[in-house]
């Protein structure tokens, strides 16, 4: 009897050991995955926040078109350099599929969409809008991107339909932007309306590109993507700047070139990190840096550029962030699984 009990205890211990072996690797894998995603979100938040004061400084001596041209030009150079260093070739990831030709066509179209809506158009709109709007206010308006991402994803992904929490969150975001608009337009006699709308337009453009990234994230290496999506815009805006006589000797001053190079390098890094985050977690989670970006940008603008921080901008930011929090509440339910294309 005693021997039977001992055997039962040993058997139970073995079962517990087997169970722990199965559970702990899974648990550790989830922790590493969440930690990796949080790191990418924090890093992207800081990089995005740096864009606003950097661009504001460059706009003091350059036109929006020239700033965009140099930014994308240096970004494409950095992307090409990283491709060569890593020996990526063309950077396409070969897929075992009988629909290779169709897949390649879809990838090229998606890259074109991302190049236009993720770089060329929003960079120009942001630069043009920020020429009249403070860096901190610009970052708050750009924080509308997550709401727009959810709306677009609703029509493209089968398991990202809008629900009541997302509608409520979107309402909070709209109220926050309205408060910001009223305060800014009252103080500027409505002269900044078109510039602020341009910044809102850039947020919509970014949202379109964020969803498009999800359609090709397994076919193109992130480093190669950073080159492909910046080169067309760089060539277009460089030609446009030269044709419009917007490039002057001041554009080639050492300080301007160094800051433009730094700006372009950060752009390349942000594109690579964004592709990595979208691939790992989906477009909704990839929009989460908008939580922290306006906060960091406001602090940088106040400290670095000595910009005033109006009370209405703080109230607006808090309401928008609350809206983003409400719309993203489903992430905890989905356990960071992200989207899947139907």
C-alpha atoms as a PDB file:
ATOM      1  CA  UNK A   1       0.000   0.000   0.000  1.00  0.00           C
ATOM      2  CA  UNK A   2       2.812   2.352   0.955  1.00  0.00           C
ATOM      3  CA  UNK A   3       4.656   1.483  -2.244  1.00  0.00           C
ATOM      4  CA  UNK A   4       1.542   2.257  -4.266  1.00  0.00           C
ATOM      5  CA  UNK A   5       1.204   5.656  -2.595  1.00  0.00           C
ATOM      6  CA  UNK A   6       4.863   6.438  -3.291  1.00  0.00           C
ATOM      7  CA  UNK A   7       4.422   5.529  -6.940  1.00  0.00           C
ATOM      8  CA  UNK A   8       1.353   7.781  -7.105  1.00  0.00           C
ATOM      9  CA  UNK A   9       3.308  10.686  -5.602  1.00  0.00           C
ATOM     10  CA  UNK A  10       6.182  10.154  -8.019  1.00  0.00           C
ATOM     11  CA  UNK A  11       3.774  10.002 -10.963  1.00  0.00           C
ATOM     12  CA  UNK A  12       2.065  13.219  -9.878  1.00  0.00           C
ATOM     13  CA  UNK A  13       5.445  14.923  -9.482  1.00  0.00           C
ATOM     14  CA  UNK A  14       6.438  13.860 -12.969  1.00  0.00           C
ATOM     15  CA  UNK A  15       3.160  15.204 -14.354  1.00  0.00           C
ATOM     16  CA  UNK A  16       3.722  18.532 -12.560  1.00  0.00           C
ATOM     17  CA  UNK A  17       7.262  18.699 -13.939  1.00  0.00           C
ATOM     18  CA  UNK A  18       6.045  18.019 -17.469  1.00  0.00           C
ATOM     19  CA  UNK A  19       3.346  20.665 -17.068  1.00  0.00           C
ATOM     20  CA  UNK A  20       5.872  23.253 -15.835  1.00  0.00           C
ATOM     21  CA  UNK A  21       8.164  22.443 -18.750  1.00  0.00           C
ATOM     22  CA  UNK A  22       5.302  23.113 -21.147  1.00  0.00           C
ATOM     23  CA  UNK A  23       4.066  26.273 -19.379  1.00  0.00           C
ATOM     24  CA  UNK A  24       7.258  28.157 -18.542  1.00  0.00           C
ATOM     25  CA  UNK A  25       8.742  28.344 -22.076  1.00  0.00           C
ATOM     26  CA  UNK A  26       5.363  29.585 -23.324  1.00  0.00           C
ATOM     27  CA  UNK A  27       5.159  32.137 -20.513  1.00  0.00           C
ATOM     28  CA  UNK A  28       8.728  33.311 -21.099  1.00  0.00           C
ATOM     29  CA  UNK A  29       8.039  33.582 -24.820  1.00  0.00           C
ATOM     30  CA  UNK A  30       5.007  35.802 -24.192  1.00  0.00           C
ATOM     31  CA  UNK A  31       6.949  37.988 -21.785  1.00  0.00           C
ATOM     32  CA  UNK A  32       9.771  38.421 -24.309  1.00  0.00           C
ATOM     33  CA  UNK A  33       7.261  39.225 -27.048  1.00  0.00           C
ATOM     34  CA  UNK A  34       5.476  41.862 -24.962  1.00  0.00           C
ATOM     35  CA  UNK A  35       8.791  43.316 -23.782  1.00  0.00           C
ATOM     36  CA  UNK A  36      10.030  43.559 -27.379  1.00  0.00           C
ATOM     37  CA  UNK A  37       6.861  45.314 -28.472  1.00  0.00           C
ATOM     38  CA  UNK A  38       6.953  47.766 -25.561  1.00  0.00           C
ATOM     39  CA  UNK A  39      10.580  48.585 -26.352  1.00  0.00           C
ATOM     40  CA  UNK A  40       9.729  49.281 -29.998  1.00  0.00           C
ATOM     41  CA  UNK A  41       6.771  51.452 -28.962  1.00  0.00           C
ATOM     42  CA  UNK A  42       8.890  53.519 -26.549  1.00  0.00           C
ATOM     43  CA  UNK A  43      11.751  53.913 -29.029  1.00  0.00           C
ATOM     44  CA  UNK A  44       9.410  54.942 -31.845  1.00  0.00           C
ATOM     45  CA  UNK A  45       7.670  57.422 -29.526  1.00  0.00           C
ATOM     46  CA  UNK A  46      10.956  59.184 -28.788  1.00  0.00           C
ATOM     47  CA  UNK A  47      12.066  59.206 -32.439  1.00  0.00           C
ATOM     48  CA  UNK A  48       8.705  60.543 -33.629  1.00  0.00           C
ATOM     49  CA  UNK A  49       8.828  63.257 -30.953  1.00  0.00           C
ATOM     50  CA  UNK A  50      12.276  64.342 -32.147  1.00  0.00           C
ATOM     51  CA  UNK A  51      10.932  64.927 -35.662  1.00  0.00           C
ATOM     52  CA  UNK A  52       8.886  67.976 -34.662  1.00  0.00           C
ATOM     53  CA  UNK A  53      11.600  70.221 -33.151  1.00  0.00           C
ATOM     54  CA  UNK A  54      14.118  69.113 -35.796  1.00  0.00           C
ATOM     55  CA  UNK A  55      11.746  70.031 -38.595  1.00  0.00           C
ATOM     56  CA  UNK A  56      10.841  73.345 -36.942  1.00  0.00           C
ATOM     57  CA  UNK A  57      14.522  74.331 -36.821  1.00  0.00           C
ATOM     58  CA  UNK A  58      15.107  73.389 -40.466  1.00  0.00           C
ATOM     59  CA  UNK A  59      12.018  75.363 -41.547  1.00  0.00           C
ATOM     60  CA  UNK A  60      13.645  78.548 -40.243  1.00  0.00           C
ATOM     61  CA  UNK A  61      15.992  78.590 -43.245  1.00  0.00           C
ATOM     62  CA  UNK A  62      14.403  76.114 -45.715  1.00  0.00           C
ATOM     63  CA  UNK A  63      11.095  75.758 -47.525  1.00  0.00           C
ATOM     64  CA  UNK A  64       8.781  72.804 -46.713  1.00  0.00           C
ATOM     65  CA  UNK A  65       9.550  71.205 -50.092  1.00  0.00           C
ATOM     66  CA  UNK A  66      13.309  71.457 -49.586  1.00  0.00           C
ATOM     67  CA  UNK A  67      13.117  70.093 -46.028  1.00  0.00           C
ATOM     68  CA  UNK A  68      11.094  67.125 -47.300  1.00  0.00           C
ATOM     69  CA  UNK A  69      13.484  66.537 -50.215  1.00  0.00           C
ATOM     70  CA  UNK A  70      16.593  66.491 -48.016  1.00  0.00           C
ATOM     71  CA  UNK A  71      14.886  64.374 -45.354  1.00  0.00           C
ATOM     72  CA  UNK A  72      13.809  61.698 -47.822  1.00  0.00           C
ATOM     73  CA  UNK A  73      17.083  61.958 -49.750  1.00  0.00           C
ATOM     74  CA  UNK A  74      19.240  61.226 -46.720  1.00  0.00           C
ATOM     75  CA  UNK A  75      16.771  58.551 -45.584  1.00  0.00           C
ATOM     76  CA  UNK A  76      17.023  56.694 -48.898  1.00  0.00           C
ATOM     77  CA  UNK A  77      20.840  56.911 -48.800  1.00  0.00           C
ATOM     78  CA  UNK A  78      20.855  55.433 -45.291  1.00  0.00           C
ATOM     79  CA  UNK A  79      18.461  52.675 -46.377  1.00  0.00           C
ATOM     80  CA  UNK A  80      20.616  51.774 -49.390  1.00  0.00           C
ATOM     81  CA  UNK A  81      23.745  51.731 -47.225  1.00  0.00           C
ATOM     82  CA  UNK A  82      22.129  49.363 -44.704  1.00  0.00           C
ATOM     83  CA  UNK A  83      20.950  47.100 -47.537  1.00  0.00           C
ATOM     84  CA  UNK A  84      24.491  46.850 -48.910  1.00  0.00           C
ATOM     85  CA  UNK A  85      26.078  46.290 -45.496  1.00  0.00           C
ATOM     86  CA  UNK A  86      23.625  43.477 -44.695  1.00  0.00           C
ATOM     87  CA  UNK A  87      23.892  41.921 -48.176  1.00  0.00           C
ATOM     88  CA  UNK A  88      20.133  41.954 -48.716  1.00  0.00           C
ATOM     89  CA  UNK A  89      20.222  42.210 -52.493  1.00  0.00           C
ATOM     90  CA  UNK A  90      16.823  43.514 -53.567  1.00  0.00           C
ATOM     91  CA  UNK A  91      15.456  42.786 -50.106  1.00  0.00           C
ATOM     92  CA  UNK A  92      12.479  40.668 -51.168  1.00  0.00           C
ATOM     93  CA  UNK A  93      11.678  37.630 -49.043  1.00  0.00           C
ATOM     94  CA  UNK A  94      10.948  34.621 -51.240  1.00  0.00           C
ATOM     95  CA  UNK A  95       7.640  32.925 -50.552  1.00  0.00           C
ATOM     96  CA  UNK A  96       6.712  29.340 -51.481  1.00  0.00           C
ATOM     97  CA  UNK A  97       3.599  30.082 -53.480  1.00  0.00           C
ATOM     98  CA  UNK A  98       2.140  29.359 -56.882  1.00  0.00           C
ATOM     99  CA  UNK A  99       0.951  32.962 -57.058  1.00  0.00           C
ATOM    100  CA  UNK A 100       4.413  34.540 -57.088  1.00  0.00           C
ATOM    101  CA  UNK A 101       3.717  36.893 -59.982  1.00  0.00           C
ATOM    102  CA  UNK A 102       0.519  38.189 -58.394  1.00  0.00           C
ATOM    103  CA  UNK A 103       2.265  38.534 -55.052  1.00  0.00           C
ATOM    104  CA  UNK A 104       5.117  40.550 -56.567  1.00  0.00           C
ATOM    105  CA  UNK A 105       2.624  42.876 -58.246  1.00  0.00           C
ATOM    106  CA  UNK A 106       0.753  43.393 -54.967  1.00  0.00           C
ATOM    107  CA  UNK A 107       4.009  44.122 -53.144  1.00  0.00           C
ATOM    108  CA  UNK A 108       5.045  46.752 -55.684  1.00  0.00           C
ATOM    109  CA  UNK A 109       1.633  48.417 -55.477  1.00  0.00           C
ATOM    110  CA  UNK A 110       1.724  48.387 -51.665  1.00  0.00           C
ATOM    111  CA  UNK A 111       5.237  49.850 -51.642  1.00  0.00           C
ATOM    112  CA  UNK A 112       4.035  52.631 -53.927  1.00  0.00           C
ATOM    113  CA  UNK A 113       1.110  53.328 -51.586  1.00  0.00           C
ATOM    114  CA  UNK A 114       3.404  53.422 -48.551  1.00  0.00           C
ATOM    115  CA  UNK A 115       5.901  55.640 -50.372  1.00  0.00           C
ATOM    116  CA  UNK A 116       3.171  58.145 -51.224  1.00  0.00           C
ATOM    117  CA  UNK A 117       0.991  58.054 -48.111  1.00  0.00           C
ATOM    118  CA  UNK A 118       3.629  57.102 -45.538  1.00  0.00           C
ATOM    119  CA  UNK A 119       6.444  59.428 -46.570  1.00  0.00           C
ATOM    120  CA  UNK A 120       6.062  61.856 -49.446  1.00  0.00           C
ATOM    121  CA  UNK A 121       2.597  63.276 -48.767  1.00  0.00           C
ATOM    122  CA  UNK A 122       2.603  63.384 -44.928  1.00  0.00           C
ATOM    123  CA  UNK A 123       6.162  64.751 -44.737  1.00  0.00           C
ATOM    124  CA  UNK A 124       5.224  67.612 -47.052  1.00  0.00           C
ATOM    125  CA  UNK A 125       1.925  68.290 -45.266  1.00  0.00           C
ATOM    126  CA  UNK A 126       3.639  68.243 -41.872  1.00  0.00           C
ATOM    127  CA  UNK A 127       6.420  70.549 -43.031  1.00  0.00           C
ATOM    128  CA  UNK A 128       3.954  72.963 -44.618  1.00  0.00           C
ATOM    129  CA  UNK A 129       1.648  72.923 -41.591  1.00  0.00           C
ATOM    130  CA  UNK A 130       4.489  73.260 -39.113  1.00  0.00           C
ATOM    131  CA  UNK A 131       5.798  76.332 -40.920  1.00  0.00           C
ATOM    132  CA  UNK A 132       2.980  78.238 -39.155  1.00  0.00           C
ATOM    133  CA  UNK A 133       2.047  75.949 -36.260  1.00  0.00           C
ATOM    134  CA  UNK A 134       4.204  75.272 -33.187  1.00  0.00           C
ATOM    135  CA  UNK A 135       5.936  71.902 -32.911  1.00  0.00           C
ATOM    136  CA  UNK A 136       4.017  70.915 -29.773  1.00  0.00           C
ATOM    137  CA  UNK A 137       0.611  71.700 -31.295  1.00  0.00           C
ATOM    138  CA  UNK A 138       1.605  69.815 -34.462  1.00  0.00           C
ATOM    139  CA  UNK A 139       2.385  66.680 -32.457  1.00  0.00           C
ATOM    140  CA  UNK A 140      -1.027  66.810 -30.755  1.00  0.00           C
ATOM    141  CA  UNK A 141      -2.893  67.139 -34.059  1.00  0.00           C
ATOM    142  CA  UNK A 142      -0.856  64.266 -35.521  1.00  0.00           C
ATOM    143  CA  UNK A 143      -2.018  62.124 -32.572  1.00  0.00           C
ATOM    144  CA  UNK A 144      -5.302  61.619 -34.457  1.00  0.00           C
ATOM    145  CA  UNK A 145      -3.552  58.923 -36.505  1.00  0.00           C
ATOM    146  CA  UNK A 146      -4.617  55.953 -34.301  1.00  0.00           C
ATOM    147  CA  UNK A 147      -8.300  56.856 -34.679  1.00  0.00           C
ATOM    148  CA  UNK A 148      -7.974  57.017 -38.443  1.00  0.00           C
ATOM    149  CA  UNK A 149      -6.045  53.727 -38.476  1.00  0.00           C
ATOM    150  CA  UNK A 150      -8.906  51.998 -36.672  1.00  0.00           C
ATOM    151  CA  UNK A 151     -11.487  53.343 -39.120  1.00  0.00           C
ATOM    152  CA  UNK A 152      -9.489  52.236 -42.162  1.00  0.00           C
ATOM    153  CA  UNK A 153      -8.675  48.839 -40.593  1.00  0.00           C
ATOM    154  CA  UNK A 154     -12.396  48.354 -39.952  1.00  0.00           C
ATOM    155  CA  UNK A 155     -13.001  48.136 -43.698  1.00  0.00           C
ATOM    156  CA  UNK A 156      -9.907  46.085 -44.517  1.00  0.00           C
ATOM    157  CA  UNK A 157      -9.453  43.538 -41.710  1.00  0.00           C
ATOM    158  CA  UNK A 158     -12.212  41.098 -40.773  1.00  0.00           C
ATOM    159  CA  UNK A 159     -11.396  40.977 -37.055  1.00  0.00           C
ATOM    160  CA  UNK A 160     -10.924  44.708 -36.410  1.00  0.00           C
ATOM    161  CA  UNK A 161     -14.489  45.939 -36.638  1.00  0.00           C
ATOM    162  CA  UNK A 162     -15.489  49.119 -34.876  1.00  0.00           C
ATOM    163  CA  UNK A 163     -17.328  48.618 -31.587  1.00  0.00           C
ATOM    164  CA  UNK A 164     -18.838  50.954 -29.017  1.00  0.00           C
ATOM    165  CA  UNK A 165     -15.536  51.539 -27.201  1.00  0.00           C
ATOM    166  CA  UNK A 166     -13.859  52.630 -30.427  1.00  0.00           C
ATOM    167  CA  UNK A 167     -16.739  54.964 -31.289  1.00  0.00           C
ATOM    168  CA  UNK A 168     -16.565  56.534 -27.831  1.00  0.00           C
ATOM    169  CA  UNK A 169     -12.795  56.871 -28.082  1.00  0.00           C
ATOM    170  CA  UNK A 170     -13.086  58.495 -31.486  1.00  0.00           C
ATOM    171  CA  UNK A 171     -15.606  60.981 -30.043  1.00  0.00           C
ATOM    172  CA  UNK A 172     -13.113  61.920 -27.320  1.00  0.00           C
ATOM    173  CA  UNK A 173     -10.423  62.401 -29.952  1.00  0.00           C
ATOM    174  CA  UNK A 174     -12.692  64.640 -32.004  1.00  0.00           C
ATOM    175  CA  UNK A 175     -13.543  66.738 -28.931  1.00  0.00           C
ATOM    176  CA  UNK A 176      -9.857  67.077 -28.050  1.00  0.00           C
ATOM    177  CA  UNK A 177      -8.968  68.299 -31.536  1.00  0.00           C
ATOM    178  CA  UNK A 178     -11.948  70.678 -31.515  1.00  0.00           C
ATOM    179  CA  UNK A 179     -10.708  72.255 -28.283  1.00  0.00           C
ATOM    180  CA  UNK A 180      -7.255  72.668 -29.789  1.00  0.00           C
ATOM    181  CA  UNK A 181      -8.673  74.161 -32.983  1.00  0.00           C
ATOM    182  CA  UNK A 182     -10.829  76.677 -31.102  1.00  0.00           C
ATOM    183  CA  UNK A 183      -7.933  77.866 -28.950  1.00  0.00           C
ATOM    184  CA  UNK A 184      -5.449  78.115 -31.802  1.00  0.00           C
ATOM    185  CA  UNK A 185      -7.807  79.676 -34.354  1.00  0.00           C
ATOM    186  CA  UNK A 186      -9.098  82.243 -31.858  1.00  0.00           C
ATOM    187  CA  UNK A 187      -5.561  83.392 -31.071  1.00  0.00           C
ATOM    188  CA  UNK A 188      -4.514  83.445 -34.729  1.00  0.00           C
ATOM    189  CA  UNK A 189      -7.733  84.925 -36.190  1.00  0.00           C
ATOM    190  CA  UNK A 190      -8.304  81.749 -38.221  1.00  0.00           C
ATOM    191  CA  UNK A 191      -5.159  82.336 -40.285  1.00  0.00           C
ATOM    192  CA  UNK A 192      -3.746  78.932 -39.291  1.00  0.00           C
ATOM    193  CA  UNK A 193      -6.824  76.871 -40.203  1.00  0.00           C
ATOM    194  CA  UNK A 194      -5.464  75.504 -43.487  1.00  0.00           C
ATOM    195  CA  UNK A 195      -2.099  74.702 -41.881  1.00  0.00           C
ATOM    196  CA  UNK A 196      -3.761  72.775 -39.057  1.00  0.00           C
ATOM    197  CA  UNK A 197      -5.938  70.894 -41.535  1.00  0.00           C
ATOM    198  CA  UNK A 198      -2.766  69.940 -43.438  1.00  0.00           C
ATOM    199  CA  UNK A 199      -1.423  68.336 -40.250  1.00  0.00           C
ATOM    200  CA  UNK A 200      -4.700  66.425 -39.800  1.00  0.00           C
ATOM    201  CA  UNK A 201      -4.331  65.320 -43.430  1.00  0.00           C
ATOM    202  CA  UNK A 202      -0.854  63.988 -42.682  1.00  0.00           C
ATOM    203  CA  UNK A 203      -2.308  61.882 -39.852  1.00  0.00           C
ATOM    204  CA  UNK A 204      -4.841  60.375 -42.268  1.00  0.00           C
ATOM    205  CA  UNK A 205      -2.058  59.702 -44.760  1.00  0.00           C
ATOM    206  CA  UNK A 206       0.031  57.938 -42.110  1.00  0.00           C
ATOM    207  CA  UNK A 207      -2.975  55.790 -41.166  1.00  0.00           C
ATOM    208  CA  UNK A 208      -3.403  54.603 -44.766  1.00  0.00           C
ATOM    209  CA  UNK A 209       0.291  53.684 -44.946  1.00  0.00           C
ATOM    210  CA  UNK A 210       0.215  51.879 -41.587  1.00  0.00           C
ATOM    211  CA  UNK A 211      -2.540  49.566 -42.800  1.00  0.00           C
ATOM    212  CA  UNK A 212      -0.758  49.071 -46.149  1.00  0.00           C
ATOM    213  CA  UNK A 213       2.415  47.940 -44.334  1.00  0.00           C
ATOM    214  CA  UNK A 214       0.500  44.967 -42.945  1.00  0.00           C
ATOM    215  CA  UNK A 215      -0.166  43.671 -46.469  1.00  0.00           C
ATOM    216  CA  UNK A 216       3.516  43.273 -47.380  1.00  0.00           C
ATOM    217  CA  UNK A 217       5.290  42.841 -44.043  1.00  0.00           C
ATOM    218  CA  UNK A 218       6.209  39.222 -44.812  1.00  0.00           C
ATOM    219  CA  UNK A 219       7.414  39.866 -48.367  1.00  0.00           C
ATOM    220  CA  UNK A 220       9.920  42.713 -47.952  1.00  0.00           C
ATOM    221  CA  UNK A 221      12.764  43.037 -45.480  1.00  0.00           C
ATOM    222  CA  UNK A 222      12.237  46.097 -43.223  1.00  0.00           C
ATOM    223  CA  UNK A 223      15.630  47.580 -44.179  1.00  0.00           C
ATOM    224  CA  UNK A 224      14.896  47.201 -47.889  1.00  0.00           C
ATOM    225  CA  UNK A 225      11.457  48.707 -47.341  1.00  0.00           C
ATOM    226  CA  UNK A 226      13.047  51.810 -45.804  1.00  0.00           C
ATOM    227  CA  UNK A 227      14.882  52.368 -49.091  1.00  0.00           C
ATOM    228  CA  UNK A 228      12.010  51.588 -51.456  1.00  0.00           C
ATOM    229  CA  UNK A 229       9.485  53.841 -49.710  1.00  0.00           C
ATOM    230  CA  UNK A 230      11.777  56.882 -49.423  1.00  0.00           C
ATOM    231  CA  UNK A 231      13.585  56.934 -52.780  1.00  0.00           C
ATOM    232  CA  UNK A 232      10.620  57.937 -55.033  1.00  0.00           C
ATOM    233  CA  UNK A 233       9.667  60.838 -52.768  1.00  0.00           C
ATOM    234  CA  UNK A 234      13.282  61.975 -52.507  1.00  0.00           C
ATOM    235  CA  UNK A 235      13.663  62.141 -56.284  1.00  0.00           C
ATOM    236  CA  UNK A 236      10.293  63.847 -56.782  1.00  0.00           C
ATOM    237  CA  UNK A 237      10.779  66.563 -54.171  1.00  0.00           C
ATOM    238  CA  UNK A 238      14.388  67.179 -55.142  1.00  0.00           C
ATOM    239  CA  UNK A 239      13.305  67.810 -58.739  1.00  0.00           C
ATOM    240  CA  UNK A 240      10.408  69.954 -57.492  1.00  0.00           C
ATOM    241  CA  UNK A 241      12.725  72.020 -55.270  1.00  0.00           C
ATOM    242  CA  UNK A 242      15.208  72.600 -58.088  1.00  0.00           C
ATOM    243  CA  UNK A 243      12.462  73.393 -60.609  1.00  0.00           C
ATOM    244  CA  UNK A 244      10.854  75.846 -58.174  1.00  0.00           C
ATOM    245  CA  UNK A 245      14.216  77.534 -57.411  1.00  0.00           C
ATOM    246  CA  UNK A 246      13.793  76.674 -53.727  1.00  0.00           C
ATOM    247  CA  UNK A 247      17.310  75.283 -53.298  1.00  0.00           C
ATOM    248  CA  UNK A 248      19.794  77.973 -52.304  1.00  0.00           C
ATOM    249  CA  UNK A 249      23.336  78.114 -50.958  1.00  0.00           C
ATOM    250  CA  UNK A 250      21.846  78.108 -47.470  1.00  0.00           C
ATOM    251  CA  UNK A 251      20.580  74.599 -48.186  1.00  0.00           C
ATOM    252  CA  UNK A 252      24.159  73.334 -48.387  1.00  0.00           C
ATOM    253  CA  UNK A 253      25.515  74.921 -45.224  1.00  0.00           C
ATOM    254  CA  UNK A 254      27.286  72.361 -43.077  1.00  0.00           C
ATOM    255  CA  UNK A 255      24.912  72.782 -40.132  1.00  0.00           C
ATOM    256  CA  UNK A 256      21.873  72.306 -42.392  1.00  0.00           C
ATOM    257  CA  UNK A 257      23.375  69.218 -44.038  1.00  0.00           C
ATOM    258  CA  UNK A 258      24.302  67.670 -40.683  1.00  0.00           C
ATOM    259  CA  UNK A 259      20.839  68.249 -39.234  1.00  0.00           C
ATOM    260  CA  UNK A 260      19.162  67.057 -42.458  1.00  0.00           C
ATOM    261  CA  UNK A 261      21.344  63.933 -42.419  1.00  0.00           C
ATOM    262  CA  UNK A 262      20.418  63.268 -38.801  1.00  0.00           C
ATOM    263  CA  UNK A 263      16.766  63.857 -39.672  1.00  0.00           C
ATOM    264  CA  UNK A 264      16.979  61.448 -42.607  1.00  0.00           C
ATOM    265  CA  UNK A 265      18.805  58.803 -40.569  1.00  0.00           C
ATOM    266  CA  UNK A 266      16.120  58.902 -37.885  1.00  0.00           C
ATOM    267  CA  UNK A 267      13.495  58.596 -40.616  1.00  0.00           C
ATOM    268  CA  UNK A 268      15.144  55.417 -41.912  1.00  0.00           C
ATOM    269  CA  UNK A 269      15.299  53.944 -38.416  1.00  0.00           C
ATOM    270  CA  UNK A 270      11.650  54.808 -37.773  1.00  0.00           C
ATOM    271  CA  UNK A 271      10.538  53.127 -41.021  1.00  0.00           C
ATOM    272  CA  UNK A 272      12.483  49.958 -40.157  1.00  0.00           C
ATOM    273  CA  UNK A 273      11.103  49.862 -36.606  1.00  0.00           C
ATOM    274  CA  UNK A 274       7.561  50.521 -37.832  1.00  0.00           C
ATOM    275  CA  UNK A 275       7.747  47.628 -40.293  1.00  0.00           C
ATOM    276  CA  UNK A 276       9.064  45.401 -37.502  1.00  0.00           C
ATOM    277  CA  UNK A 277       6.276  46.422 -35.115  1.00  0.00           C
ATOM    278  CA  UNK A 278       3.493  46.053 -37.699  1.00  0.00           C
ATOM    279  CA  UNK A 279       4.859  42.638 -38.694  1.00  0.00           C
ATOM    280  CA  UNK A 280       4.995  41.534 -35.067  1.00  0.00           C
ATOM    281  CA  UNK A 281       1.787  43.027 -33.706  1.00  0.00           C
ATOM    282  CA  UNK A 282      -0.410  44.568 -36.416  1.00  0.00           C
ATOM    283  CA  UNK A 283      -1.295  48.153 -37.400  1.00  0.00           C
ATOM    284  CA  UNK A 284      -3.377  48.995 -34.318  1.00  0.00           C
ATOM    285  CA  UNK A 285      -0.552  48.329 -31.868  1.00  0.00           C
ATOM    286  CA  UNK A 286       1.862  50.028 -34.273  1.00  0.00           C
ATOM    287  CA  UNK A 287      -0.144  53.225 -33.773  1.00  0.00           C
ATOM    288  CA  UNK A 288       0.387  53.157 -29.977  1.00  0.00           C
ATOM    289  CA  UNK A 289       3.507  55.400 -30.029  1.00  0.00           C
ATOM    290  CA  UNK A 290       0.996  58.219 -30.488  1.00  0.00           C
ATOM    291  CA  UNK A 291       0.301  57.861 -26.752  1.00  0.00           C
ATOM    292  CA  UNK A 292       3.711  59.191 -25.778  1.00  0.00           C
ATOM    293  CA  UNK A 293       4.845  61.115 -28.864  1.00  0.00           C
ATOM    294  CA  UNK A 294       2.839  64.332 -28.217  1.00  0.00           C
ATOM    295  CA  UNK A 295       3.846  64.376 -24.548  1.00  0.00           C
ATOM    296  CA  UNK A 296       7.547  64.041 -25.357  1.00  0.00           C
ATOM    297  CA  UNK A 297       7.234  66.492 -28.257  1.00  0.00           C
ATOM    298  CA  UNK A 298       5.568  69.106 -26.045  1.00  0.00           C
ATOM    299  CA  UNK A 299       8.373  68.798 -23.491  1.00  0.00           C
ATOM    300  CA  UNK A 300      11.063  68.993 -26.198  1.00  0.00           C
ATOM    301  CA  UNK A 301       9.388  72.005 -27.827  1.00  0.00           C
ATOM    302  CA  UNK A 302       9.077  73.826 -24.500  1.00  0.00           C
ATOM    303  CA  UNK A 303      12.661  73.078 -23.444  1.00  0.00           C
ATOM    304  CA  UNK A 304      14.488  73.144 -26.783  1.00  0.00           C
ATOM    305  CA  UNK A 305      12.480  75.663 -28.810  1.00  0.00           C
ATOM    306  CA  UNK A 306      11.149  77.673 -25.836  1.00  0.00           C
ATOM    307  CA  UNK A 307       7.591  77.335 -27.113  1.00  0.00           C
ATOM    308  CA  UNK A 308       4.681  78.285 -24.891  1.00  0.00           C
ATOM    309  CA  UNK A 309       2.380  75.472 -23.805  1.00  0.00           C
ATOM    310  CA  UNK A 310      -1.189  76.865 -23.663  1.00  0.00           C
ATOM    311  CA  UNK A 311      -3.628  75.380 -21.176  1.00  0.00           C
ATOM    312  CA  UNK A 312      -6.039  74.374 -23.936  1.00  0.00           C
ATOM    313  CA  UNK A 313      -3.304  72.284 -25.611  1.00  0.00           C
ATOM    314  CA  UNK A 314      -2.750  70.321 -22.383  1.00  0.00           C
ATOM    315  CA  UNK A 315      -6.504  69.762 -21.976  1.00  0.00           C
ATOM    316  CA  UNK A 316      -6.760  68.743 -25.621  1.00  0.00           C
ATOM    317  CA  UNK A 317      -3.842  66.324 -25.280  1.00  0.00           C
ATOM    318  CA  UNK A 318      -5.336  64.650 -22.209  1.00  0.00           C
ATOM    319  CA  UNK A 319      -8.724  64.200 -23.912  1.00  0.00           C
ATOM    320  CA  UNK A 320      -7.113  62.779 -27.082  1.00  0.00           C
ATOM    321  CA  UNK A 321      -4.961  60.387 -25.053  1.00  0.00           C
ATOM    322  CA  UNK A 322      -8.054  59.257 -23.153  1.00  0.00           C
ATOM    323  CA  UNK A 323      -9.750  58.614 -26.467  1.00  0.00           C
ATOM    324  CA  UNK A 324      -6.791  56.590 -27.717  1.00  0.00           C
ATOM    325  CA  UNK A 325      -6.798  54.587 -24.478  1.00  0.00           C
ATOM    326  CA  UNK A 326     -10.486  53.778 -24.882  1.00  0.00           C
ATOM    327  CA  UNK A 327     -10.151  52.754 -28.533  1.00  0.00           C
ATOM    328  CA  UNK A 328      -7.148  50.555 -27.766  1.00  0.00           C
ATOM    329  CA  UNK A 329      -8.752  48.805 -24.789  1.00  0.00           C
ATOM    330  CA  UNK A 330      -9.380  45.691 -26.897  1.00  0.00           C
ATOM    331  CA  UNK A 331      -5.622  45.058 -27.039  1.00  0.00           C
ATOM    332  CA  UNK A 332      -5.689  43.553 -23.577  1.00  0.00           C
ATOM    333  CA  UNK A 333      -8.503  41.264 -24.700  1.00  0.00           C
ATOM    334  CA  UNK A 334      -6.625  40.158 -27.805  1.00  0.00           C
ATOM    335  CA  UNK A 335      -3.410  39.658 -25.787  1.00  0.00           C
ATOM    336  CA  UNK A 336      -1.309  41.580 -28.262  1.00  0.00           C
ATOM    337  CA  UNK A 337      -2.130  39.190 -31.107  1.00  0.00           C
ATOM    338  CA  UNK A 338      -2.598  41.961 -33.660  1.00  0.00           C
ATOM    339  CA  UNK A 339      -4.557  41.801 -36.903  1.00  0.00           C
ATOM    340  CA  UNK A 340      -4.830  39.039 -39.446  1.00  0.00           C
ATOM    341  CA  UNK A 341      -5.824  39.673 -43.003  1.00  0.00           C
ATOM    342  CA  UNK A 342      -8.958  37.727 -43.969  1.00  0.00           C
END
